[in-house]
Amino acid sequence: MRSIALVFAILLLGFPALAGEAEVKAAQGSISAQIEAFRTGEDAAAYSYAAPNVKRIFPTLETFMGMVSGGYKPVHHAQSFDFGKFREMSPTSIIQQVMIVGPDGKDYEAVYTLELQPDGVWRITGVSLRASNSLST
């Protein structure tokens, strides 16, 4: 009986970690999909990953892409990217570090904030971008 209770307790404790991992993977999937859409020139698809707060500030695809192409060239034309650290701020909010090699061959760090939307999709609420101190290989 004790072993059954122990197994049950381990399973209960394990589920939140699995759910958290699945949520992070889903959020990373939104980031990957947006970067890939930028790479392939599918601007409308890239815009679809912007959260409502971003769409209020940039209400048209043209204004959004103007912002991206003007201020986020390493994201817009990433040569490659890898996910770094993440932090789950709440069940519906995640911060994700992304290491990017920009079109200039330099390293950048992008910190994405994402929120889970009512339709079940993680959408990007903001991106902070800076040159990274790491070296590309």
C-alpha atoms as a PDB file:
ATOM      1  CA  MET A   1       0.000   0.000   0.000  1.00  0.00           C
ATOM      2  CA  ARG A   2       2.855   2.400   0.829  1.00  0.00           C
ATOM      3  CA  SER A   3       4.522   1.731  -2.512  1.00  0.00           C
ATOM      4  CA  ILE A   4       1.282   2.528  -4.365  1.00  0.00           C
ATOM      5  CA  ALA A   5       0.964   5.807  -2.447  1.00  0.00           C
ATOM      6  CA  LEU A   6       4.607   6.630  -3.197  1.00  0.00           C
ATOM      7  CA  VAL A   7       4.133   5.951  -6.924  1.00  0.00           C
ATOM      8  CA  PHE A   8       0.966   8.067  -6.916  1.00  0.00           C
ATOM      9  CA  ALA A   9       2.796  10.949  -5.177  1.00  0.00           C
ATOM     10  CA  ILE A  10       5.674  10.762  -7.666  1.00  0.00           C
ATOM     11  CA  LEU A  11       3.233  10.830 -10.576  1.00  0.00           C
ATOM     12  CA  LEU A  12       1.393  13.822  -9.138  1.00  0.00           C
ATOM     13  CA  LEU A  13       4.633  15.707  -8.622  1.00  0.00           C
ATOM     14  CA  GLY A  14       5.792  14.784 -12.108  1.00  0.00           C
ATOM     15  CA  PHE A  15       2.762  16.082 -13.988  1.00  0.00           C
ATOM     16  CA  PRO A  16       3.385  19.793 -13.371  1.00  0.00           C
ATOM     17  CA  ALA A  17       6.926  19.448 -14.721  1.00  0.00           C
ATOM     18  CA  LEU A  18       5.657  17.669 -17.829  1.00  0.00           C
ATOM     19  CA  ALA A  19       2.927  20.252 -18.352  1.00  0.00           C
ATOM     20  CA  GLY A  20       5.485  23.053 -17.944  1.00  0.00           C
ATOM     21  CA  GLU A  21       7.796  21.432 -20.473  1.00  0.00           C
ATOM     22  CA  ALA A  22       4.961  21.041 -22.970  1.00  0.00           C
ATOM     23  CA  GLU A  23       3.990  24.683 -22.551  1.00  0.00           C
ATOM     24  CA  VAL A  24       7.576  25.836 -23.070  1.00  0.00           C
ATOM     25  CA  LYS A  25       7.868  23.692 -26.205  1.00  0.00           C
ATOM     26  CA  ALA A  26       4.639  25.178 -27.530  1.00  0.00           C
ATOM     27  CA  ALA A  27       5.873  28.721 -26.827  1.00  0.00           C
ATOM     28  CA  GLN A  28       9.192  27.908 -28.524  1.00  0.00           C
ATOM     29  CA  GLY A  29       7.184  26.578 -31.460  1.00  0.00           C
ATOM     30  CA  SER A  30       5.538  29.988 -31.869  1.00  0.00           C
ATOM     31  CA  ILE A  31       8.922  31.724 -31.846  1.00  0.00           C
ATOM     32  CA  SER A  32      10.372  29.231 -34.344  1.00  0.00           C
ATOM     33  CA  ALA A  33       7.360  29.568 -36.622  1.00  0.00           C
ATOM     34  CA  GLN A  34       7.598  33.357 -36.612  1.00  0.00           C
ATOM     35  CA  ILE A  35      11.345  33.359 -37.355  1.00  0.00           C
ATOM     36  CA  GLU A  36      10.832  30.828 -40.150  1.00  0.00           C
ATOM     37  CA  ALA A  37       8.014  32.953 -41.573  1.00  0.00           C
ATOM     38  CA  PHE A  38      10.345  35.975 -41.587  1.00  0.00           C
ATOM     39  CA  ARG A  39      13.024  33.884 -43.339  1.00  0.00           C
ATOM     40  CA  THR A  40      10.651  32.777 -46.086  1.00  0.00           C
ATOM     41  CA  GLY A  41       8.996  36.153 -46.592  1.00  0.00           C
ATOM     42  CA  GLU A  42       5.635  35.020 -45.213  1.00  0.00           C
ATOM     43  CA  ASP A  43       4.989  38.303 -43.446  1.00  0.00           C
ATOM     44  CA  ALA A  44       1.301  37.656 -42.721  1.00  0.00           C
ATOM     45  CA  ALA A  45       2.167  34.359 -41.048  1.00  0.00           C
ATOM     46  CA  ALA A  46       4.850  36.098 -38.968  1.00  0.00           C
ATOM     47  CA  TYR A  47       2.333  38.775 -37.949  1.00  0.00           C
ATOM     48  CA  SER A  48      -0.120  36.095 -36.843  1.00  0.00           C
ATOM     49  CA  TYR A  49       2.210  35.216 -33.934  1.00  0.00           C
ATOM     50  CA  ALA A  50       2.020  38.758 -32.544  1.00  0.00           C
ATOM     51  CA  ALA A  51      -0.171  39.062 -29.464  1.00  0.00           C
ATOM     52  CA  PRO A  52      -3.129  41.457 -29.355  1.00  0.00           C
ATOM     53  CA  ASN A  53      -1.103  44.078 -27.438  1.00  0.00           C
ATOM     54  CA  VAL A  54       1.449  44.194 -30.277  1.00  0.00           C
ATOM     55  CA  LYS A  55      -1.302  44.361 -32.901  1.00  0.00           C
ATOM     56  CA  ARG A  56      -2.837  47.347 -31.099  1.00  0.00           C
ATOM     57  CA  ILE A  57       0.479  49.207 -31.402  1.00  0.00           C
ATOM     58  CA  PHE A  58       1.101  47.983 -34.981  1.00  0.00           C
ATOM     59  CA  PRO A  59      -2.431  47.555 -36.347  1.00  0.00           C
ATOM     60  CA  THR A  60      -1.442  46.718 -39.925  1.00  0.00           C
ATOM     61  CA  LEU A  61       0.927  44.212 -41.430  1.00  0.00           C
ATOM     62  CA  GLU A  62       2.837  47.077 -43.050  1.00  0.00           C
ATOM     63  CA  THR A  63       3.440  48.933 -39.778  1.00  0.00           C
ATOM     64  CA  PHE A  64       4.452  45.698 -38.055  1.00  0.00           C
ATOM     65  CA  MET A  65       6.914  44.736 -40.785  1.00  0.00           C
ATOM     66  CA  GLY A  66       8.300  48.277 -40.829  1.00  0.00           C
ATOM     67  CA  MET A  67       9.068  47.953 -37.127  1.00  0.00           C
ATOM     68  CA  VAL A  68      10.594  44.485 -37.551  1.00  0.00           C
ATOM     69  CA  SER A  69      12.742  45.345 -40.567  1.00  0.00           C
ATOM     70  CA  GLY A  70      13.863  48.636 -39.023  1.00  0.00           C
ATOM     71  CA  GLY A  71      14.629  47.582 -35.468  1.00  0.00           C
ATOM     72  CA  TYR A  72      14.963  43.800 -35.436  1.00  0.00           C
ATOM     73  CA  LYS A  73      17.127  42.901 -38.459  1.00  0.00           C
ATOM     74  CA  PRO A  74      18.837  39.998 -36.628  1.00  0.00           C
ATOM     75  CA  VAL A  75      15.420  38.443 -35.957  1.00  0.00           C
ATOM     76  CA  HIS A  76      14.016  39.346 -39.370  1.00  0.00           C
ATOM     77  CA  HIS A  77      16.941  37.780 -41.223  1.00  0.00           C
ATOM     78  CA  ALA A  78      18.367  35.311 -38.699  1.00  0.00           C
ATOM     79  CA  GLN A  79      21.011  32.951 -40.054  1.00  0.00           C
ATOM     80  CA  SER A  80      20.384  30.601 -37.139  1.00  0.00           C
ATOM     81  CA  PHE A  81      18.931  30.571 -33.640  1.00  0.00           C
ATOM     82  CA  ASP A  82      18.930  28.441 -30.509  1.00  0.00           C
ATOM     83  CA  PHE A  83      16.812  28.546 -27.406  1.00  0.00           C
ATOM     84  CA  GLY A  84      18.431  29.417 -24.106  1.00  0.00           C
ATOM     85  CA  LYS A  85      16.933  29.847 -20.675  1.00  0.00           C
ATOM     86  CA  PHE A  86      13.232  30.233 -20.053  1.00  0.00           C
ATOM     87  CA  ARG A  87      11.145  31.302 -17.124  1.00  0.00           C
ATOM     88  CA  GLU A  88       7.496  30.569 -16.619  1.00  0.00           C
ATOM     89  CA  MET A  89       6.066  33.716 -15.034  1.00  0.00           C
ATOM     90  CA  SER A  90       2.573  32.267 -14.684  1.00  0.00           C
ATOM     91  CA  PRO A  91       0.571  29.468 -16.298  1.00  0.00           C
ATOM     92  CA  THR A  92      -0.103  31.829 -19.210  1.00  0.00           C
ATOM     93  CA  SER A  93       3.139  33.826 -19.418  1.00  0.00           C
ATOM     94  CA  ILE A  94       6.643  32.745 -20.431  1.00  0.00           C
ATOM     95  CA  ILE A  95       9.942  34.536 -20.974  1.00  0.00           C
ATOM     96  CA  GLN A  96      12.296  32.791 -23.445  1.00  0.00           C
ATOM     97  CA  GLN A  97      15.909  33.637 -24.276  1.00  0.00           C
ATOM     98  CA  VAL A  98      16.887  33.078 -27.919  1.00  0.00           C
ATOM     99  CA  MET A  99      20.465  33.238 -29.155  1.00  0.00           C
ATOM    100  CA  ILE A 100      20.522  34.464 -32.764  1.00  0.00           C
ATOM    101  CA  VAL A 101      23.201  34.730 -35.424  1.00  0.00           C
ATOM    102  CA  GLY A 102      22.165  37.755 -37.438  1.00  0.00           C
ATOM    103  CA  PRO A 103      22.606  38.431 -41.144  1.00  0.00           C
ATOM    104  CA  ASP A 104      25.876  40.185 -40.303  1.00  0.00           C
ATOM    105  CA  GLY A 105      27.259  36.979 -38.727  1.00  0.00           C
ATOM    106  CA  LYS A 106      27.226  38.539 -35.256  1.00  0.00           C
ATOM    107  CA  ASP A 107      25.629  37.044 -32.171  1.00  0.00           C
ATOM    108  CA  TYR A 108      22.520  38.559 -30.611  1.00  0.00           C
ATOM    109  CA  GLU A 109      20.399  37.746 -27.616  1.00  0.00           C
ATOM    110  CA  ALA A 110      16.650  38.150 -27.973  1.00  0.00           C
ATOM    111  CA  VAL A 111      14.424  37.882 -24.930  1.00  0.00           C
ATOM    112  CA  TYR A 112      10.865  37.036 -25.918  1.00  0.00           C
ATOM    113  CA  THR A 113       7.796  37.412 -23.760  1.00  0.00           C
ATOM    114  CA  LEU A 114       4.802  35.294 -24.694  1.00  0.00           C
ATOM    115  CA  GLU A 115       1.261  34.872 -23.425  1.00  0.00           C
ATOM    116  CA  LEU A 116      -1.075  31.956 -23.911  1.00  0.00           C
ATOM    117  CA  GLN A 117      -4.147  33.170 -25.772  1.00  0.00           C
ATOM    118  CA  PRO A 118      -7.732  31.914 -25.349  1.00  0.00           C
ATOM    119  CA  ASP A 119      -7.380  29.966 -28.618  1.00  0.00           C
ATOM    120  CA  GLY A 120      -4.526  27.942 -27.054  1.00  0.00           C
ATOM    121  CA  VAL A 121      -1.726  29.541 -29.097  1.00  0.00           C
ATOM    122  CA  TRP A 122       1.296  31.197 -27.488  1.00  0.00           C
ATOM    123  CA  ARG A 123       1.668  34.641 -29.033  1.00  0.00           C
ATOM    124  CA  ILE A 124       4.594  37.023 -28.742  1.00  0.00           C
ATOM    125  CA  THR A 125       3.977  40.072 -26.549  1.00  0.00           C
ATOM    126  CA  GLY A 126       7.432  41.595 -26.893  1.00  0.00           C
ATOM    127  CA  VAL A 127      11.066  41.104 -27.857  1.00  0.00           C
ATOM    128  CA  SER A 128      14.116  42.734 -26.349  1.00  0.00           C
ATOM    129  CA  LEU A 129      17.198  42.492 -28.581  1.00  0.00           C
ATOM    130  CA  ARG A 130      20.845  43.193 -27.827  1.00  0.00           C
ATOM    131  CA  ALA A 131      24.263  42.273 -29.159  1.00  0.00           C
ATOM    132  CA  SER A 132      25.574  39.196 -27.375  1.00  0.00           C
ATOM    133  CA  ASN A 133      28.957  38.710 -25.761  1.00  0.00           C
ATOM    134  CA  SER A 134      29.152  35.092 -26.918  1.00  0.00           C
ATOM    135  CA  LEU A 135      31.029  33.900 -29.990  1.00  0.00           C
ATOM    136  CA  SER A 136      29.481  31.994 -32.894  1.00  0.00           C
ATOM    137  CA  THR A 137      31.061  28.745 -33.947  1.00  0.00           C
END
